[in-house]
Every structure is written in C-alpha cells, then in structure tokens.
Amino acid sequence: MAIPFFFLELYLSLKTGETIGFFWSVVWIVMSAILGVTLLRHSPVAVMGNMKAMQKGKLNIKKFQDASMSYFVGSILLIIPGVLSDILGLLALSYTFYLQFIAKITPEQTNFNQNKGDDNVIDVEIIDEHSDRIDHT
C-alpha cells in the first residue's frame, strides 16, 4: 500500500510542479507544512472544544474520537510534502470541521432526571436536641 501511494504522490507532485512551476510548488509545500504544524500546535484547543461538546451531549464518544483523530491525521498529512497527502489532509480536516459544525448546531442534551430519587419518598434526618437530658420516668 505504501509503494503505490508513494508513486502516486510522486506522479501528482511532478505533474503539479510542471503545471504551476517550480517556485509555486515550493511555496505550496512550505505553506502546507506551516499550516499542518500550526494546526498540530493548536490541537489541544481543538480536542478541548470537542470534549466540551461531548460533555454537553452534542457529540457522542464515537464522533469525538473521529473528530480528534481526523484532526491529527489531517494535520500530519499537511506536513508531509506532496499533492496527494495535502488533498487527503484537507479531506480529513473537512470531516473534522463538519463534525464540529454539527456539534455547534445540535441542541444540548441534558438529563434533568439524573441522580434524582423517587418522588414518593421524603428523605429526613432526625436530630435529638436533648440528648444530654436523662429521662427519670
């Protein structure tokens, strides 16, 4: 799987370099690497945002894992030089942003009955204020 990917990456990079020129190919590689490193450096913020959305019930654990993993994979693919890895990285990041958008428009799911006891039971505590008195009857 790695060998065909490498050859496809090399072919697409050479074709893109032939089309847009050497200078713009270098600019593309440098800018995508800078974007990937920047996204990777800000990954704790993205993961914390996903965790907050999960706590509010806007993301389930599966979507949280998908969003976090696609964010990391997309960032790393942008760092790797090449056209195909950049396209795959942008696709992974677009999936992350899609999940974050869905989390923003989804209403919070709160459980109001969580940790609530039976309505027919009254919980009381009896405090004896006169425990020091002795009853002589």
Protein backbone atom coordinates (compact mmCIF):
# COMPACT_ATOMS: atom_id res chain seq x y z
CA MET A 1 0.00 0.00 0.00
CA ALA A 2 2.86 2.39 0.78
CA ILE A 3 4.67 1.84 -2.54
CA PRO A 4 1.67 2.70 -4.79
CA PHE A 5 0.89 5.69 -2.57
CA PHE A 6 4.49 6.90 -2.90
CA PHE A 7 4.44 6.58 -6.71
CA LEU A 8 1.05 8.28 -7.00
CA GLU A 9 2.27 11.05 -4.70
CA LEU A 10 5.41 11.48 -6.77
CA TYR A 11 3.50 11.49 -10.07
CA LEU A 12 0.91 14.04 -8.87
CA SER A 13 3.60 16.26 -7.37
CA LEU A 14 5.64 16.24 -10.57
CA LYS A 15 2.57 16.94 -12.71
CA THR A 16 1.53 19.79 -10.41
CA GLY A 17 5.06 21.19 -10.42
CA GLU A 18 5.09 21.00 -14.21
CA THR A 19 1.75 22.84 -14.38
CA ILE A 20 2.26 25.60 -11.82
CA GLY A 21 6.06 25.86 -11.92
CA PHE A 22 8.89 25.14 -9.52
CA PHE A 23 8.55 28.33 -7.45
CA TRP A 24 4.84 27.87 -6.77
CA SER A 25 5.40 24.19 -5.98
CA VAL A 26 7.91 25.16 -3.31
CA VAL A 27 5.52 27.81 -1.98
CA TRP A 28 2.74 25.19 -1.85
CA ILE A 29 4.93 22.70 0.06
CA VAL A 30 6.15 25.30 2.55
CA MET A 31 2.70 26.80 3.16
CA SER A 32 1.02 23.41 3.62
CA ALA A 33 3.75 22.37 6.06
CA ILE A 34 3.35 25.62 8.02
CA LEU A 35 -0.43 25.10 8.10
CA GLY A 36 0.00 21.50 9.28
CA VAL A 37 2.42 22.46 12.04
CA THR A 38 0.16 25.32 13.15
CA LEU A 39 -2.86 23.03 13.30
CA LEU A 40 -0.87 20.43 15.19
CA ARG A 41 0.30 23.03 17.71
CA HIS A 42 -3.31 24.11 18.29
CA SER A 43 -4.59 20.55 18.59
CA PRO A 44 -5.10 20.74 22.39
CA VAL A 45 -7.56 23.60 21.83
CA ALA A 46 -9.43 21.59 19.20
CA VAL A 47 -9.57 18.48 21.40
CA MET A 48 -10.79 20.51 24.38
CA GLY A 49 -13.53 22.01 22.22
CA ASN A 50 -14.56 18.51 21.19
CA MET A 51 -14.51 17.41 24.84
CA LYS A 52 -16.76 20.30 25.84
CA ALA A 53 -19.17 19.41 23.05
CA MET A 54 -19.14 15.81 24.25
CA GLN A 55 -19.83 16.89 27.86
CA LYS A 56 -22.80 18.94 26.69
CA GLY A 57 -24.17 15.93 24.83
CA LYS A 58 -23.57 17.41 21.38
CA LEU A 59 -21.05 14.75 20.35
CA ASN A 60 -21.05 11.10 21.30
CA ILE A 61 -17.81 9.29 22.09
CA LYS A 62 -17.52 7.88 18.56
CA LYS A 63 -17.84 11.29 16.91
CA PHE A 64 -15.42 12.75 19.47
CA GLN A 65 -12.83 10.13 18.57
CA ASP A 66 -13.46 10.60 14.84
CA ALA A 67 -13.13 14.39 15.06
CA SER A 68 -9.95 14.24 17.14
CA MET A 69 -8.30 11.54 15.05
CA SER A 70 -9.14 13.15 11.71
CA TYR A 71 -7.77 16.45 13.05
CA PHE A 72 -4.43 14.82 13.95
CA VAL A 73 -4.21 12.80 10.73
CA GLY A 74 -5.14 15.82 8.60
CA SER A 75 -2.50 17.97 10.31
CA ILE A 76 0.20 15.35 9.84
CA LEU A 77 -0.76 14.79 6.19
CA LEU A 78 -0.42 18.52 5.54
CA ILE A 79 3.12 18.44 6.95
CA ILE A 80 4.15 15.65 4.56
CA PRO A 81 5.21 17.26 1.26
CA GLY A 82 3.14 16.26 -1.73
CA VAL A 83 -0.10 16.96 -3.52
CA LEU A 84 -1.92 13.73 -2.65
CA SER A 85 -1.09 13.95 1.06
CA ASP A 86 -2.29 17.58 1.07
CA ILE A 87 -5.58 16.61 -0.57
CA LEU A 88 -6.10 13.75 1.90
CA GLY A 89 -5.17 16.05 4.79
CA LEU A 90 -7.70 18.64 3.69
CA LEU A 91 -10.36 15.94 3.36
CA ALA A 92 -9.64 14.73 6.90
CA LEU A 93 -9.77 18.28 8.24
CA SER A 94 -13.02 18.97 6.41
CA TYR A 95 -14.54 15.95 8.16
CA THR A 96 -13.37 17.36 11.50
CA PHE A 97 -14.86 20.76 10.74
CA TYR A 98 -18.09 19.06 9.61
CA LEU A 99 -18.38 17.24 12.95
CA GLN A 100 -17.62 20.46 14.85
CA PHE A 101 -20.28 22.29 12.84
CA ILE A 102 -22.82 19.56 13.61
CA ALA A 103 -21.88 19.83 17.29
CA LYS A 104 -22.49 23.59 17.21
CA ILE A 105 -25.97 23.35 15.71
CA THR A 106 -27.06 20.35 17.80
CA PRO A 107 -29.02 21.37 20.90
CA GLU A 108 -27.60 20.42 24.28
CA GLN A 109 -28.85 17.17 25.67
CA THR A 110 -29.19 17.49 29.40
CA ASN A 111 -30.54 14.84 31.72
CA PHE A 112 -32.74 16.59 34.25
CA ASN A 113 -33.72 13.35 35.99
CA GLN A 114 -30.16 12.26 36.56
CA ASN A 115 -29.42 11.40 40.23
CA LYS A 116 -32.99 12.09 41.19
CA GLY A 117 -34.66 9.82 43.71
CA ASP A 118 -38.22 8.57 43.99
CA ASP A 119 -40.84 11.35 44.17
CA ASN A 120 -42.86 9.44 46.77
CA VAL A 121 -40.04 9.26 49.32
CA ILE A 122 -39.19 12.08 51.70
CA ASP A 123 -35.65 11.91 52.97
CA VAL A 124 -35.32 13.28 56.53
CA GLU A 125 -32.80 13.30 59.33
CA ILE A 126 -33.92 13.29 62.97
CA ILE A 127 -31.75 15.31 65.32
CA ASP A 128 -32.26 14.82 69.03
CA GLU A 129 -31.61 18.21 70.63
CA HIS A 130 -31.99 16.97 74.20
CA SER A 131 -29.58 14.08 74.20
CA ASP A 132 -27.85 15.30 77.38
CA ARG A 133 -31.03 15.04 79.50
CA ILE A 134 -31.82 11.88 81.32
CA ASP A 135 -35.43 10.73 81.42
CA HIS A 136 -36.38 9.68 85.05
CA THR A 137 -39.81 8.28 84.44
